[in-house]
């Protein structure tokens, strides 16, 4: 057994199996565990997936939302224990793998058409 197989087997134990299929352009609600004192609570973070990176245990998504007039982006490690839930709210119809052009847009120009041919 070589080193790569050992690493893969250890990573396989930590992979989540209950993740929905997420595409770039989707609007998602990510439940993030926040620690306050000695308690944990789940805080939802809702926005548009503007990029996906890597695969396997290192898979990340970048979620963008506008909060109080300021664009906020967060990168979530999908298989992290801090991620409680990921829920797809609507599918987006896009023609790019990365939606970085949304950073330059304001207001209604940031809207993405809804896609109905993929199941939620």
C-alpha atoms as a PDB file:
ATOM      1  CA  UNK A   1       0.000   0.000   0.000  1.00  0.00           C
ATOM      2  CA  UNK A   2       1.600   3.241  -1.098  1.00  0.00           C
ATOM      3  CA  UNK A   3       1.238   6.667   0.533  1.00  0.00           C
ATOM      4  CA  UNK A   4      -1.498   7.939  -1.795  1.00  0.00           C
ATOM      5  CA  UNK A   5      -3.745   4.969  -1.056  1.00  0.00           C
ATOM      6  CA  UNK A   6      -3.272   5.462   2.689  1.00  0.00           C
ATOM      7  CA  UNK A   7      -4.147   9.166   2.402  1.00  0.00           C
ATOM      8  CA  UNK A   8      -7.201   8.374   0.269  1.00  0.00           C
ATOM      9  CA  UNK A   9      -8.467   5.798   2.766  1.00  0.00           C
ATOM     10  CA  UNK A  10      -8.112   8.224   5.686  1.00  0.00           C
ATOM     11  CA  UNK A  11      -9.880  10.990   3.716  1.00  0.00           C
ATOM     12  CA  UNK A  12     -12.719   8.619   2.769  1.00  0.00           C
ATOM     13  CA  UNK A  13     -13.696   8.310   6.443  1.00  0.00           C
ATOM     14  CA  UNK A  14     -14.346  12.064   6.663  1.00  0.00           C
ATOM     15  CA  UNK A  15     -16.236  12.551   3.388  1.00  0.00           C
ATOM     16  CA  UNK A  16     -19.873  13.566   3.813  1.00  0.00           C
ATOM     17  CA  UNK A  17     -22.435  11.491   1.967  1.00  0.00           C
ATOM     18  CA  UNK A  18     -25.529  13.658   2.470  1.00  0.00           C
ATOM     19  CA  UNK A  19     -24.428  16.599   0.271  1.00  0.00           C
ATOM     20  CA  UNK A  20     -26.732  17.731  -2.557  1.00  0.00           C
ATOM     21  CA  UNK A  21     -25.342  18.206  -6.065  1.00  0.00           C
ATOM     22  CA  UNK A  22     -24.288  21.839  -6.223  1.00  0.00           C
ATOM     23  CA  UNK A  23     -23.680  23.699  -9.470  1.00  0.00           C
ATOM     24  CA  UNK A  24     -22.255  27.158 -10.085  1.00  0.00           C
ATOM     25  CA  UNK A  25     -25.124  29.655 -10.260  1.00  0.00           C
ATOM     26  CA  UNK A  26     -27.261  27.903  -7.657  1.00  0.00           C
ATOM     27  CA  UNK A  27     -28.688  29.796  -4.715  1.00  0.00           C
ATOM     28  CA  UNK A  28     -27.828  27.842  -1.586  1.00  0.00           C
ATOM     29  CA  UNK A  29     -28.409  28.119   2.144  1.00  0.00           C
ATOM     30  CA  UNK A  30     -25.423  26.897   4.144  1.00  0.00           C
ATOM     31  CA  UNK A  31     -25.890  26.161   7.837  1.00  0.00           C
ATOM     32  CA  UNK A  32     -22.631  27.096   9.580  1.00  0.00           C
ATOM     33  CA  UNK A  33     -21.871  26.072  13.159  1.00  0.00           C
ATOM     34  CA  UNK A  34     -20.884  29.107  15.232  1.00  0.00           C
ATOM     35  CA  UNK A  35     -19.387  28.711  18.696  1.00  0.00           C
ATOM     36  CA  UNK A  36     -20.545  31.219  21.287  1.00  0.00           C
ATOM     37  CA  UNK A  37     -19.038  30.615  24.704  1.00  0.00           C
ATOM     38  CA  UNK A  38     -19.377  26.883  25.214  1.00  0.00           C
ATOM     39  CA  UNK A  39     -22.483  26.476  23.030  1.00  0.00           C
ATOM     40  CA  UNK A  40     -22.837  25.911  19.309  1.00  0.00           C
ATOM     41  CA  UNK A  41     -25.577  27.335  17.138  1.00  0.00           C
ATOM     42  CA  UNK A  42     -26.288  27.047  13.428  1.00  0.00           C
ATOM     43  CA  UNK A  43     -26.237  30.289  11.452  1.00  0.00           C
ATOM     44  CA  UNK A  44     -27.647  30.206   7.896  1.00  0.00           C
ATOM     45  CA  UNK A  45     -25.674  31.882   5.106  1.00  0.00           C
ATOM     46  CA  UNK A  46     -27.633  32.293   1.890  1.00  0.00           C
ATOM     47  CA  UNK A  47     -26.211  33.341  -1.456  1.00  0.00           C
ATOM     48  CA  UNK A  48     -25.201  32.432  -5.007  1.00  0.00           C
ATOM     49  CA  UNK A  49     -22.440  29.893  -5.687  1.00  0.00           C
ATOM     50  CA  UNK A  50     -19.936  31.778  -7.857  1.00  0.00           C
ATOM     51  CA  UNK A  51     -17.218  29.108  -7.979  1.00  0.00           C
ATOM     52  CA  UNK A  52     -16.360  25.516  -7.168  1.00  0.00           C
ATOM     53  CA  UNK A  53     -12.829  24.256  -6.621  1.00  0.00           C
ATOM     54  CA  UNK A  54     -10.961  20.992  -6.199  1.00  0.00           C
ATOM     55  CA  UNK A  55     -12.584  17.667  -5.454  1.00  0.00           C
ATOM     56  CA  UNK A  56     -12.798  15.019  -2.795  1.00  0.00           C
ATOM     57  CA  UNK A  57     -12.078  16.153   0.751  1.00  0.00           C
ATOM     58  CA  UNK A  58     -10.726  19.545  -0.389  1.00  0.00           C
ATOM     59  CA  UNK A  59     -13.813  20.574  -2.369  1.00  0.00           C
ATOM     60  CA  UNK A  60     -14.834  24.195  -1.759  1.00  0.00           C
ATOM     61  CA  UNK A  61     -17.583  26.518  -2.921  1.00  0.00           C
ATOM     62  CA  UNK A  62     -17.552  30.305  -2.868  1.00  0.00           C
ATOM     63  CA  UNK A  63     -20.909  31.808  -1.915  1.00  0.00           C
ATOM     64  CA  UNK A  64     -21.666  35.476  -2.573  1.00  0.00           C
ATOM     65  CA  UNK A  65     -24.397  37.591  -1.068  1.00  0.00           C
ATOM     66  CA  UNK A  66     -25.073  41.298  -0.688  1.00  0.00           C
ATOM     67  CA  UNK A  67     -25.427  42.339   2.948  1.00  0.00           C
ATOM     68  CA  UNK A  68     -26.360  45.950   3.781  1.00  0.00           C
ATOM     69  CA  UNK A  69     -25.268  47.088   0.326  1.00  0.00           C
ATOM     70  CA  UNK A  70     -21.850  45.405   0.522  1.00  0.00           C
ATOM     71  CA  UNK A  71     -20.950  42.240  -1.385  1.00  0.00           C
ATOM     72  CA  UNK A  72     -19.724  39.502   0.952  1.00  0.00           C
ATOM     73  CA  UNK A  73     -18.109  36.265  -0.237  1.00  0.00           C
ATOM     74  CA  UNK A  74     -17.366  33.239   1.902  1.00  0.00           C
ATOM     75  CA  UNK A  75     -15.487  30.111   0.948  1.00  0.00           C
ATOM     76  CA  UNK A  76     -16.894  26.927   2.452  1.00  0.00           C
ATOM     77  CA  UNK A  77     -15.038  23.640   2.706  1.00  0.00           C
ATOM     78  CA  UNK A  78     -17.876  21.224   1.863  1.00  0.00           C
ATOM     79  CA  UNK A  79     -16.696  18.317   3.996  1.00  0.00           C
ATOM     80  CA  UNK A  80     -15.817  20.448   7.024  1.00  0.00           C
ATOM     81  CA  UNK A  81     -17.390  19.540  10.357  1.00  0.00           C
ATOM     82  CA  UNK A  82     -18.377  23.217  10.709  1.00  0.00           C
ATOM     83  CA  UNK A  83     -20.881  22.844   7.862  1.00  0.00           C
ATOM     84  CA  UNK A  84     -24.112  21.494   9.325  1.00  0.00           C
ATOM     85  CA  UNK A  85     -26.376  21.563   6.263  1.00  0.00           C
ATOM     86  CA  UNK A  86     -26.376  22.698   2.647  1.00  0.00           C
ATOM     87  CA  UNK A  87     -29.725  23.291   0.985  1.00  0.00           C
ATOM     88  CA  UNK A  88     -30.197  24.233  -2.681  1.00  0.00           C
ATOM     89  CA  UNK A  89     -32.971  26.832  -2.929  1.00  0.00           C
ATOM     90  CA  UNK A  90     -32.951  27.421  -6.690  1.00  0.00           C
ATOM     91  CA  UNK A  91     -30.950  26.340  -9.702  1.00  0.00           C
ATOM     92  CA  UNK A  92     -29.282  29.009 -11.807  1.00  0.00           C
ATOM     93  CA  UNK A  93     -28.925  29.039 -15.574  1.00  0.00           C
ATOM     94  CA  UNK A  94     -25.354  30.148 -16.301  1.00  0.00           C
ATOM     95  CA  UNK A  95     -22.815  29.627 -19.069  1.00  0.00           C
ATOM     96  CA  UNK A  96     -19.615  30.049 -17.084  1.00  0.00           C
ATOM     97  CA  UNK A  97     -17.674  27.921 -14.621  1.00  0.00           C
ATOM     98  CA  UNK A  98     -16.784  30.974 -12.505  1.00  0.00           C
ATOM     99  CA  UNK A  99     -19.181  33.884 -11.972  1.00  0.00           C
ATOM    100  CA  UNK A 100     -16.626  36.481 -10.907  1.00  0.00           C
ATOM    101  CA  UNK A 101     -18.277  39.036 -13.217  1.00  0.00           C
ATOM    102  CA  UNK A 102     -21.070  39.365 -10.621  1.00  0.00           C
ATOM    103  CA  UNK A 103     -18.619  41.287  -8.431  1.00  0.00           C
ATOM    104  CA  UNK A 104     -18.754  44.237 -10.825  1.00  0.00           C
ATOM    105  CA  UNK A 105     -22.539  44.287 -11.068  1.00  0.00           C
ATOM    106  CA  UNK A 106     -25.003  46.113  -8.835  1.00  0.00           C
ATOM    107  CA  UNK A 107     -28.699  45.656  -8.112  1.00  0.00           C
ATOM    108  CA  UNK A 108     -30.909  43.893 -10.622  1.00  0.00           C
ATOM    109  CA  UNK A 109     -27.958  43.239 -12.942  1.00  0.00           C
ATOM    110  CA  UNK A 110     -26.818  40.510 -10.531  1.00  0.00           C
ATOM    111  CA  UNK A 111     -29.926  38.384 -11.082  1.00  0.00           C
ATOM    112  CA  UNK A 112     -29.481  34.911 -12.558  1.00  0.00           C
ATOM    113  CA  UNK A 113     -32.191  33.167 -14.559  1.00  0.00           C
ATOM    114  CA  UNK A 114     -33.741  30.156 -12.903  1.00  0.00           C
ATOM    115  CA  UNK A 115     -33.199  26.717 -14.357  1.00  0.00           C
ATOM    116  CA  UNK A 116     -36.024  24.185 -14.235  1.00  0.00           C
ATOM    117  CA  UNK A 117     -34.495  21.118 -15.938  1.00  0.00           C
ATOM    118  CA  UNK A 118     -32.464  20.062 -12.863  1.00  0.00           C
ATOM    119  CA  UNK A 119     -34.150  18.827  -9.710  1.00  0.00           C
ATOM    120  CA  UNK A 120     -33.584  20.618  -6.405  1.00  0.00           C
END
